[in-house]
Amino acid sequence: MKIKRIILAIISVFLSATLLYAAEENVFRKNNPDGIKYDFARSFIIGFGYLSAIDERWKKHDEIKAKGNELVFIQWNLDRLAKDNMDLRIAKNYVTKYFNVPNRLMRKVIDSYAYACDGLIDLNLKERELWNQMHQVKKNGVVGAEQDQGFVKAQEQLADQRKVVMRSIVEVSVLMTKVLLREDVQEKQVKKRLALTLKERDNLIRKLDAFAGDNFEWGMKPGQTYVQAAQATIREVLEDPTCLSADE
């Protein structure tokens, strides 16, 4: 009788673990069903192109500033921020057009991405207001030390807030890598399978290369911008040979 009880206890524990594992697997399948993942990933990556344009625009900052014409530098910043917001709205629209999809994990990506874009747009509007104020002061005379310090402090605060939002873009990209998995992927599988065919993976990599050809790093590395880190996170999964394609 004692042996039977031990056997029954072992079977009970095994069945409980199996049921729990199956329940967790079903939750993943329920929240991340396959369907339109390639189209969504393509739009997500195209959106990265507009974020990359913002990075490229900013790289000209030191060059413009070094020319020494402060009013020209201010106007360049005003124009840059206006273009940045246009690019952010386009990038957001590429992703939010999928908001009504039944995939809950995908909707989480969409919601977080849209929130980040809106946050950056708001920060850019605030920065444009600062540059507009400085433009008026410069046109009317010399900027006082107190005004200049106040301007620098306000810019630093906006820069800190922008870093927080940009980190969330990287976090969204990590979540996006989970969206790319097949709905029936098991957590402890040595080789995970993507919901993308080999051809679809190649197509996405080529789209990524179109604007991130100088960023072939896998995953997040020191020295990357936040946008580059987000791109590298997606690249890591698309190019990882241990991740099987849907048709393999």
C-alpha atoms as a PDB file:
ATOM      1  CA  MET A   1       0.000   0.000   0.000  1.00  0.00           C
ATOM      2  CA  LYS A   2       2.826   2.367   0.860  1.00  0.00           C
ATOM      3  CA  ILE A   3       4.510   1.780  -2.505  1.00  0.00           C
ATOM      4  CA  LYS A   4       1.203   2.350  -4.289  1.00  0.00           C
ATOM      5  CA  ARG A   5       0.755   5.663  -2.495  1.00  0.00           C
ATOM      6  CA  ILE A   6       4.271   6.763  -3.522  1.00  0.00           C
ATOM      7  CA  ILE A   7       3.596   5.771  -7.142  1.00  0.00           C
ATOM      8  CA  LEU A   8       0.265   7.593  -7.115  1.00  0.00           C
ATOM      9  CA  ALA A   9       1.953  10.663  -5.615  1.00  0.00           C
ATOM     10  CA  ILE A  10       4.645  10.642  -8.314  1.00  0.00           C
ATOM     11  CA  ILE A  11       2.004  10.248 -11.039  1.00  0.00           C
ATOM     12  CA  SER A  12      -0.017  13.076  -9.491  1.00  0.00           C
ATOM     13  CA  VAL A  13       2.999  15.411  -9.453  1.00  0.00           C
ATOM     14  CA  PHE A  14       3.891  14.463 -13.034  1.00  0.00           C
ATOM     15  CA  LEU A  15       0.333  15.047 -14.252  1.00  0.00           C
ATOM     16  CA  SER A  16       0.158  18.394 -12.434  1.00  0.00           C
ATOM     17  CA  ALA A  17       3.431  19.529 -14.018  1.00  0.00           C
ATOM     18  CA  THR A  18       2.272  18.313 -17.431  1.00  0.00           C
ATOM     19  CA  LEU A  19      -1.066  20.099 -17.117  1.00  0.00           C
ATOM     20  CA  LEU A  20       0.645  23.286 -15.929  1.00  0.00           C
ATOM     21  CA  TYR A  21       3.092  23.140 -18.838  1.00  0.00           C
ATOM     22  CA  ALA A  22       0.241  22.523 -21.276  1.00  0.00           C
ATOM     23  CA  ALA A  23      -1.710  25.417 -19.762  1.00  0.00           C
ATOM     24  CA  GLU A  24       1.275  27.760 -20.168  1.00  0.00           C
ATOM     25  CA  GLU A  25       1.720  26.555 -23.749  1.00  0.00           C
ATOM     26  CA  ASN A  26      -1.969  27.165 -24.483  1.00  0.00           C
ATOM     27  CA  VAL A  27      -1.725  30.683 -23.042  1.00  0.00           C
ATOM     28  CA  PHE A  28       1.128  31.492 -25.443  1.00  0.00           C
ATOM     29  CA  ARG A  29      -0.822  30.051 -28.383  1.00  0.00           C
ATOM     30  CA  LYS A  30      -3.938  31.978 -27.334  1.00  0.00           C
ATOM     31  CA  ASN A  31      -2.101  35.288 -26.947  1.00  0.00           C
ATOM     32  CA  ASN A  32       0.165  34.882 -29.970  1.00  0.00           C
ATOM     33  CA  PRO A  33      -1.715  33.047 -32.725  1.00  0.00           C
ATOM     34  CA  ASP A  34      -0.057  32.783 -36.122  1.00  0.00           C
ATOM     35  CA  GLY A  35      -1.394  34.904 -38.953  1.00  0.00           C
ATOM     36  CA  ILE A  36      -0.206  38.119 -40.692  1.00  0.00           C
ATOM     37  CA  LYS A  37       3.026  37.994 -38.695  1.00  0.00           C
ATOM     38  CA  TYR A  38       5.111  38.500 -41.807  1.00  0.00           C
ATOM     39  CA  ASP A  39       3.066  41.541 -42.886  1.00  0.00           C
ATOM     40  CA  PHE A  40       3.234  42.979 -39.391  1.00  0.00           C
ATOM     41  CA  ALA A  41       6.987  42.383 -39.120  1.00  0.00           C
ATOM     42  CA  ARG A  42       7.519  44.020 -42.504  1.00  0.00           C
ATOM     43  CA  SER A  43       5.589  47.138 -41.412  1.00  0.00           C
ATOM     44  CA  PHE A  44       7.430  47.176 -38.086  1.00  0.00           C
ATOM     45  CA  ILE A  45      10.802  47.089 -39.877  1.00  0.00           C
ATOM     46  CA  ILE A  46       9.743  49.724 -42.418  1.00  0.00           C
ATOM     47  CA  GLY A  47       8.909  51.933 -39.439  1.00  0.00           C
ATOM     48  CA  PHE A  48      12.497  51.474 -38.263  1.00  0.00           C
ATOM     49  CA  GLY A  49      13.586  53.180 -41.491  1.00  0.00           C
ATOM     50  CA  TYR A  50      11.878  56.401 -40.398  1.00  0.00           C
ATOM     51  CA  LEU A  51      13.458  56.178 -36.939  1.00  0.00           C
ATOM     52  CA  SER A  52      16.831  55.707 -38.639  1.00  0.00           C
ATOM     53  CA  ALA A  53      16.223  58.902 -40.643  1.00  0.00           C
ATOM     54  CA  ILE A  54      15.864  60.734 -37.335  1.00  0.00           C
ATOM     55  CA  ASP A  55      19.208  59.326 -36.170  1.00  0.00           C
ATOM     56  CA  GLU A  56      20.876  60.353 -39.446  1.00  0.00           C
ATOM     57  CA  ARG A  57      19.469  63.860 -39.197  1.00  0.00           C
ATOM     58  CA  TRP A  58      20.840  64.276 -35.681  1.00  0.00           C
ATOM     59  CA  LYS A  59      24.350  63.276 -36.827  1.00  0.00           C
ATOM     60  CA  LYS A  60      24.604  66.625 -38.631  1.00  0.00           C
ATOM     61  CA  HIS A  61      24.180  68.493 -35.326  1.00  0.00           C
ATOM     62  CA  ASP A  62      27.864  69.143 -34.645  1.00  0.00           C
ATOM     63  CA  GLU A  63      28.570  70.050 -38.259  1.00  0.00           C
ATOM     64  CA  ILE A  64      25.830  72.696 -38.345  1.00  0.00           C
ATOM     65  CA  LYS A  65      26.765  74.060 -34.934  1.00  0.00           C
ATOM     66  CA  ALA A  66      30.447  74.353 -35.908  1.00  0.00           C
ATOM     67  CA  LYS A  67      29.573  76.820 -38.661  1.00  0.00           C
ATOM     68  CA  GLY A  68      29.097  79.401 -35.919  1.00  0.00           C
ATOM     69  CA  ASN A  69      25.868  81.064 -37.108  1.00  0.00           C
ATOM     70  CA  GLU A  70      23.572  80.712 -34.103  1.00  0.00           C
ATOM     71  CA  LEU A  71      20.373  81.768 -35.869  1.00  0.00           C
ATOM     72  CA  VAL A  72      21.034  79.277 -38.653  1.00  0.00           C
ATOM     73  CA  PHE A  73      21.701  76.586 -36.043  1.00  0.00           C
ATOM     74  CA  ILE A  74      18.446  77.393 -34.253  1.00  0.00           C
ATOM     75  CA  GLN A  75      16.485  77.278 -37.503  1.00  0.00           C
ATOM     76  CA  TRP A  76      18.110  73.957 -38.401  1.00  0.00           C
ATOM     77  CA  ASN A  77      16.912  72.515 -35.096  1.00  0.00           C
ATOM     78  CA  LEU A  78      13.396  73.825 -35.682  1.00  0.00           C
ATOM     79  CA  ASP A  79      13.321  72.217 -39.124  1.00  0.00           C
ATOM     80  CA  ARG A  80      14.890  69.007 -37.824  1.00  0.00           C
ATOM     81  CA  LEU A  81      12.308  68.562 -35.089  1.00  0.00           C
ATOM     82  CA  ALA A  82       9.439  69.204 -37.495  1.00  0.00           C
ATOM     83  CA  LYS A  83      10.805  66.519 -39.844  1.00  0.00           C
ATOM     84  CA  ASP A  84      11.389  64.175 -36.909  1.00  0.00           C
ATOM     85  CA  ASN A  85       7.752  64.419 -35.882  1.00  0.00           C
ATOM     86  CA  MET A  86       6.600  63.770 -39.424  1.00  0.00           C
ATOM     87  CA  ASP A  87       8.755  60.617 -39.525  1.00  0.00           C
ATOM     88  CA  LEU A  88       7.485  59.498 -36.114  1.00  0.00           C
ATOM     89  CA  ARG A  89       3.863  59.829 -37.225  1.00  0.00           C
ATOM     90  CA  ILE A  90       4.560  57.784 -40.362  1.00  0.00           C
ATOM     91  CA  ALA A  91       6.400  55.096 -38.386  1.00  0.00           C
ATOM     92  CA  LYS A  92       3.531  54.946 -35.894  1.00  0.00           C
ATOM     93  CA  ASN A  93       0.940  54.617 -38.674  1.00  0.00           C
ATOM     94  CA  TYR A  94       2.795  51.676 -40.210  1.00  0.00           C
ATOM     95  CA  VAL A  95       2.309  49.747 -36.968  1.00  0.00           C
ATOM     96  CA  THR A  96      -1.034  50.991 -35.636  1.00  0.00           C
ATOM     97  CA  LYS A  97      -2.924  49.970 -38.791  1.00  0.00           C
ATOM     98  CA  TYR A  98      -2.837  46.441 -37.333  1.00  0.00           C
ATOM     99  CA  PHE A  99      -4.403  47.425 -34.008  1.00  0.00           C
ATOM    100  CA  ASN A 100      -7.553  45.345 -34.504  1.00  0.00           C
ATOM    101  CA  VAL A 101      -5.715  42.046 -34.982  1.00  0.00           C
ATOM    102  CA  PRO A 102      -6.762  39.193 -32.633  1.00  0.00           C
ATOM    103  CA  ASN A 103      -3.146  38.591 -31.559  1.00  0.00           C
ATOM    104  CA  ARG A 104      -2.877  40.045 -28.036  1.00  0.00           C
ATOM    105  CA  LEU A 105       0.904  40.048 -27.958  1.00  0.00           C
ATOM    106  CA  MET A 106       0.937  41.922 -31.258  1.00  0.00           C
ATOM    107  CA  ARG A 107      -1.518  44.461 -29.860  1.00  0.00           C
ATOM    108  CA  LYS A 108       0.784  44.942 -26.860  1.00  0.00           C
ATOM    109  CA  VAL A 109       3.648  45.726 -29.272  1.00  0.00           C
ATOM    110  CA  ILE A 110       1.413  48.135 -31.191  1.00  0.00           C
ATOM    111  CA  ASP A 111       0.173  49.910 -28.078  1.00  0.00           C
ATOM    112  CA  SER A 112       3.658  50.288 -26.566  1.00  0.00           C
ATOM    113  CA  TYR A 113       5.150  51.427 -29.879  1.00  0.00           C
ATOM    114  CA  ALA A 114       2.398  54.018 -30.430  1.00  0.00           C
ATOM    115  CA  TYR A 115       2.809  55.280 -26.859  1.00  0.00           C
ATOM    116  CA  ALA A 116       6.564  55.693 -27.406  1.00  0.00           C
ATOM    117  CA  CYS A 117       6.062  57.551 -30.701  1.00  0.00           C
ATOM    118  CA  ASP A 118       3.511  59.861 -29.097  1.00  0.00           C
ATOM    119  CA  GLY A 119       5.916  60.500 -26.224  1.00  0.00           C
ATOM    120  CA  LEU A 120       8.731  61.432 -28.610  1.00  0.00           C
ATOM    121  CA  ILE A 121       6.418  63.689 -30.629  1.00  0.00           C
ATOM    122  CA  ASP A 122       5.393  65.500 -27.451  1.00  0.00           C
ATOM    123  CA  LEU A 123       9.021  65.963 -26.381  1.00  0.00           C
ATOM    124  CA  ASN A 124       9.921  67.309 -29.822  1.00  0.00           C
ATOM    125  CA  LEU A 125       7.093  69.848 -29.620  1.00  0.00           C
ATOM    126  CA  LYS A 126       8.397  71.006 -26.255  1.00  0.00           C
ATOM    127  CA  GLU A 127      11.930  71.284 -27.633  1.00  0.00           C
ATOM    128  CA  ARG A 128      10.702  73.260 -30.640  1.00  0.00           C
ATOM    129  CA  GLU A 129       9.057  75.689 -28.257  1.00  0.00           C
ATOM    130  CA  LEU A 130      12.386  76.147 -26.470  1.00  0.00           C
ATOM    131  CA  TRP A 131      14.200  76.808 -29.758  1.00  0.00           C
ATOM    132  CA  ASN A 132      11.475  79.230 -30.819  1.00  0.00           C
ATOM    133  CA  GLN A 133      11.909  81.160 -27.591  1.00  0.00           C
ATOM    134  CA  MET A 134      15.673  81.229 -28.048  1.00  0.00           C
ATOM    135  CA  HIS A 135      15.213  82.359 -31.647  1.00  0.00           C
ATOM    136  CA  GLN A 136      13.167  85.357 -30.547  1.00  0.00           C
ATOM    137  CA  VAL A 137      15.656  86.280 -27.832  1.00  0.00           C
ATOM    138  CA  LYS A 138      18.600  86.006 -30.265  1.00  0.00           C
ATOM    139  CA  LYS A 139      16.856  88.214 -32.793  1.00  0.00           C
ATOM    140  CA  ASN A 140      16.168  90.853 -30.155  1.00  0.00           C
ATOM    141  CA  GLY A 141      19.648  90.969 -28.646  1.00  0.00           C
ATOM    142  CA  VAL A 142      22.259  89.111 -26.619  1.00  0.00           C
ATOM    143  CA  VAL A 143      21.151  86.170 -24.498  1.00  0.00           C
ATOM    144  CA  GLY A 144      21.772  86.712 -20.799  1.00  0.00           C
ATOM    145  CA  ALA A 145      23.679  84.187 -18.708  1.00  0.00           C
ATOM    146  CA  GLU A 146      20.561  83.288 -16.707  1.00  0.00           C
ATOM    147  CA  GLN A 147      18.491  82.737 -19.841  1.00  0.00           C
ATOM    148  CA  ASP A 148      21.216  80.627 -21.384  1.00  0.00           C
ATOM    149  CA  GLN A 149      21.528  78.440 -18.273  1.00  0.00           C
ATOM    150  CA  GLY A 150      17.767  77.997 -18.136  1.00  0.00           C
ATOM    151  CA  PHE A 151      17.718  76.936 -21.788  1.00  0.00           C
ATOM    152  CA  VAL A 152      20.529  74.411 -21.295  1.00  0.00           C
ATOM    153  CA  LYS A 153      18.858  72.955 -18.195  1.00  0.00           C
ATOM    154  CA  ALA A 154      15.523  72.581 -20.004  1.00  0.00           C
ATOM    155  CA  GLN A 155      17.265  70.847 -22.917  1.00  0.00           C
ATOM    156  CA  GLU A 156      19.004  68.446 -20.563  1.00  0.00           C
ATOM    157  CA  GLN A 157      15.695  67.546 -18.911  1.00  0.00           C
ATOM    158  CA  LEU A 158      14.123  66.832 -22.303  1.00  0.00           C
ATOM    159  CA  ALA A 159      17.147  64.750 -23.315  1.00  0.00           C
ATOM    160  CA  ASP A 160      16.816  62.629 -20.157  1.00  0.00           C
ATOM    161  CA  GLN A 161      13.111  62.086 -20.807  1.00  0.00           C
ATOM    162  CA  ARG A 162      13.836  61.195 -24.435  1.00  0.00           C
ATOM    163  CA  LYS A 163      16.324  58.499 -23.329  1.00  0.00           C
ATOM    164  CA  VAL A 164      13.634  56.865 -21.208  1.00  0.00           C
ATOM    165  CA  VAL A 165      11.216  56.761 -24.151  1.00  0.00           C
ATOM    166  CA  MET A 166      13.877  55.473 -26.537  1.00  0.00           C
ATOM    167  CA  ARG A 167      14.707  52.641 -24.123  1.00  0.00           C
ATOM    168  CA  SER A 168      11.068  51.602 -24.389  1.00  0.00           C
ATOM    169  CA  ILE A 169      11.509  51.310 -28.190  1.00  0.00           C
ATOM    170  CA  VAL A 170      14.246  48.736 -27.528  1.00  0.00           C
ATOM    171  CA  GLU A 171      11.955  46.917 -25.086  1.00  0.00           C
ATOM    172  CA  VAL A 172       9.209  46.835 -27.718  1.00  0.00           C
ATOM    173  CA  SER A 173      11.678  45.251 -30.161  1.00  0.00           C
ATOM    174  CA  VAL A 174      12.462  42.513 -27.642  1.00  0.00           C
ATOM    175  CA  LEU A 175       8.726  41.862 -27.319  1.00  0.00           C
ATOM    176  CA  MET A 176       8.458  41.825 -31.113  1.00  0.00           C
ATOM    177  CA  THR A 177      10.892  38.904 -31.246  1.00  0.00           C
ATOM    178  CA  LYS A 178       8.326  36.903 -29.257  1.00  0.00           C
ATOM    179  CA  VAL A 179       5.625  37.803 -31.769  1.00  0.00           C
ATOM    180  CA  LEU A 180       7.778  36.260 -34.513  1.00  0.00           C
ATOM    181  CA  LEU A 181       7.719  32.831 -32.847  1.00  0.00           C
ATOM    182  CA  ARG A 182       5.325  30.136 -34.015  1.00  0.00           C
ATOM    183  CA  GLU A 183       2.269  29.830 -31.812  1.00  0.00           C
ATOM    184  CA  ASP A 184       3.151  26.227 -30.922  1.00  0.00           C
ATOM    185  CA  VAL A 185       6.730  26.945 -29.821  1.00  0.00           C
ATOM    186  CA  GLN A 186       7.590  25.383 -26.494  1.00  0.00           C
ATOM    187  CA  GLU A 187       9.619  27.388 -24.021  1.00  0.00           C
ATOM    188  CA  LYS A 188      12.325  24.745 -23.468  1.00  0.00           C
ATOM    189  CA  GLN A 189      12.860  23.837 -27.123  1.00  0.00           C
ATOM    190  CA  VAL A 190      16.540  23.918 -28.072  1.00  0.00           C
ATOM    191  CA  LYS A 191      15.649  25.213 -31.530  1.00  0.00           C
ATOM    192  CA  LYS A 192      12.684  27.563 -31.687  1.00  0.00           C
ATOM    193  CA  ARG A 193      10.634  27.940 -34.849  1.00  0.00           C
ATOM    194  CA  LEU A 194       9.567  31.251 -36.327  1.00  0.00           C
ATOM    195  CA  ALA A 195       6.209  31.940 -37.969  1.00  0.00           C
ATOM    196  CA  LEU A 196       8.156  33.026 -41.068  1.00  0.00           C
ATOM    197  CA  THR A 197       9.346  31.075 -44.079  1.00  0.00           C
ATOM    198  CA  LEU A 198      12.995  31.222 -45.083  1.00  0.00           C
ATOM    199  CA  LYS A 199      12.079  33.497 -48.001  1.00  0.00           C
ATOM    200  CA  GLU A 200      10.135  35.823 -45.714  1.00  0.00           C
ATOM    201  CA  ARG A 201      13.081  36.021 -43.313  1.00  0.00           C
ATOM    202  CA  ASP A 202      15.402  36.907 -46.196  1.00  0.00           C
ATOM    203  CA  ASN A 203      12.979  39.586 -47.385  1.00  0.00           C
ATOM    204  CA  LEU A 204      12.849  41.154 -43.920  1.00  0.00           C
ATOM    205  CA  ILE A 205      16.634  41.108 -43.601  1.00  0.00           C
ATOM    206  CA  ARG A 206      16.963  42.886 -46.952  1.00  0.00           C
ATOM    207  CA  LYS A 207      14.471  45.534 -45.829  1.00  0.00           C
ATOM    208  CA  LEU A 208      16.501  45.987 -42.656  1.00  0.00           C
ATOM    209  CA  ASP A 209      19.722  46.251 -44.652  1.00  0.00           C
ATOM    210  CA  ALA A 210      18.232  49.035 -46.802  1.00  0.00           C
ATOM    211  CA  PHE A 211      18.653  51.520 -43.943  1.00  0.00           C
ATOM    212  CA  ALA A 212      20.687  49.602 -41.366  1.00  0.00           C
ATOM    213  CA  GLY A 213      23.384  48.196 -43.631  1.00  0.00           C
ATOM    214  CA  ASP A 214      26.075  49.666 -41.399  1.00  0.00           C
ATOM    215  CA  ASN A 215      24.616  48.003 -38.312  1.00  0.00           C
ATOM    216  CA  PHE A 216      25.228  44.265 -38.689  1.00  0.00           C
ATOM    217  CA  GLU A 217      25.560  43.653 -34.968  1.00  0.00           C
ATOM    218  CA  TRP A 218      23.444  41.009 -33.280  1.00  0.00           C
ATOM    219  CA  GLY A 219      21.706  42.232 -30.142  1.00  0.00           C
ATOM    220  CA  MET A 220      22.484  45.244 -28.022  1.00  0.00           C
ATOM    221  CA  LYS A 221      26.117  46.405 -27.921  1.00  0.00           C
ATOM    222  CA  PRO A 222      27.946  49.387 -26.354  1.00  0.00           C
ATOM    223  CA  GLY A 223      28.108  52.412 -28.630  1.00  0.00           C
ATOM    224  CA  GLN A 224      24.835  51.732 -30.432  1.00  0.00           C
ATOM    225  CA  THR A 225      22.071  54.292 -30.522  1.00  0.00           C
ATOM    226  CA  TYR A 226      18.743  53.125 -29.132  1.00  0.00           C
ATOM    227  CA  VAL A 227      17.407  52.733 -32.668  1.00  0.00           C
ATOM    228  CA  GLN A 228      20.422  50.626 -33.671  1.00  0.00           C
ATOM    229  CA  ALA A 229      19.973  48.453 -30.571  1.00  0.00           C
ATOM    230  CA  ALA A 230      16.319  47.903 -31.462  1.00  0.00           C
ATOM    231  CA  GLN A 231      17.224  47.002 -35.046  1.00  0.00           C
ATOM    232  CA  ALA A 232      19.986  44.651 -33.892  1.00  0.00           C
ATOM    233  CA  THR A 233      17.535  42.875 -31.585  1.00  0.00           C
ATOM    234  CA  ILE A 234      15.283  42.015 -34.532  1.00  0.00           C
ATOM    235  CA  ARG A 235      18.258  41.140 -36.756  1.00  0.00           C
ATOM    236  CA  GLU A 236      19.537  38.703 -34.155  1.00  0.00           C
ATOM    237  CA  VAL A 237      16.386  36.580 -34.427  1.00  0.00           C
ATOM    238  CA  LEU A 238      15.992  36.827 -38.202  1.00  0.00           C
ATOM    239  CA  GLU A 239      19.599  35.736 -38.834  1.00  0.00           C
ATOM    240  CA  ASP A 240      19.938  33.224 -36.000  1.00  0.00           C
ATOM    241  CA  PRO A 241      20.550  29.755 -37.558  1.00  0.00           C
ATOM    242  CA  THR A 242      19.254  28.072 -34.404  1.00  0.00           C
ATOM    243  CA  CYS A 243      15.816  29.580 -35.095  1.00  0.00           C
ATOM    244  CA  LEU A 244      14.069  27.349 -37.618  1.00  0.00           C
ATOM    245  CA  SER A 245      11.871  28.800 -40.340  1.00  0.00           C
ATOM    246  CA  ALA A 246       8.213  27.828 -40.716  1.00  0.00           C
ATOM    247  CA  ASP A 247       8.989  25.754 -43.807  1.00  0.00           C
ATOM    248  CA  GLU A 248      12.002  23.885 -42.414  1.00  0.00           C
END
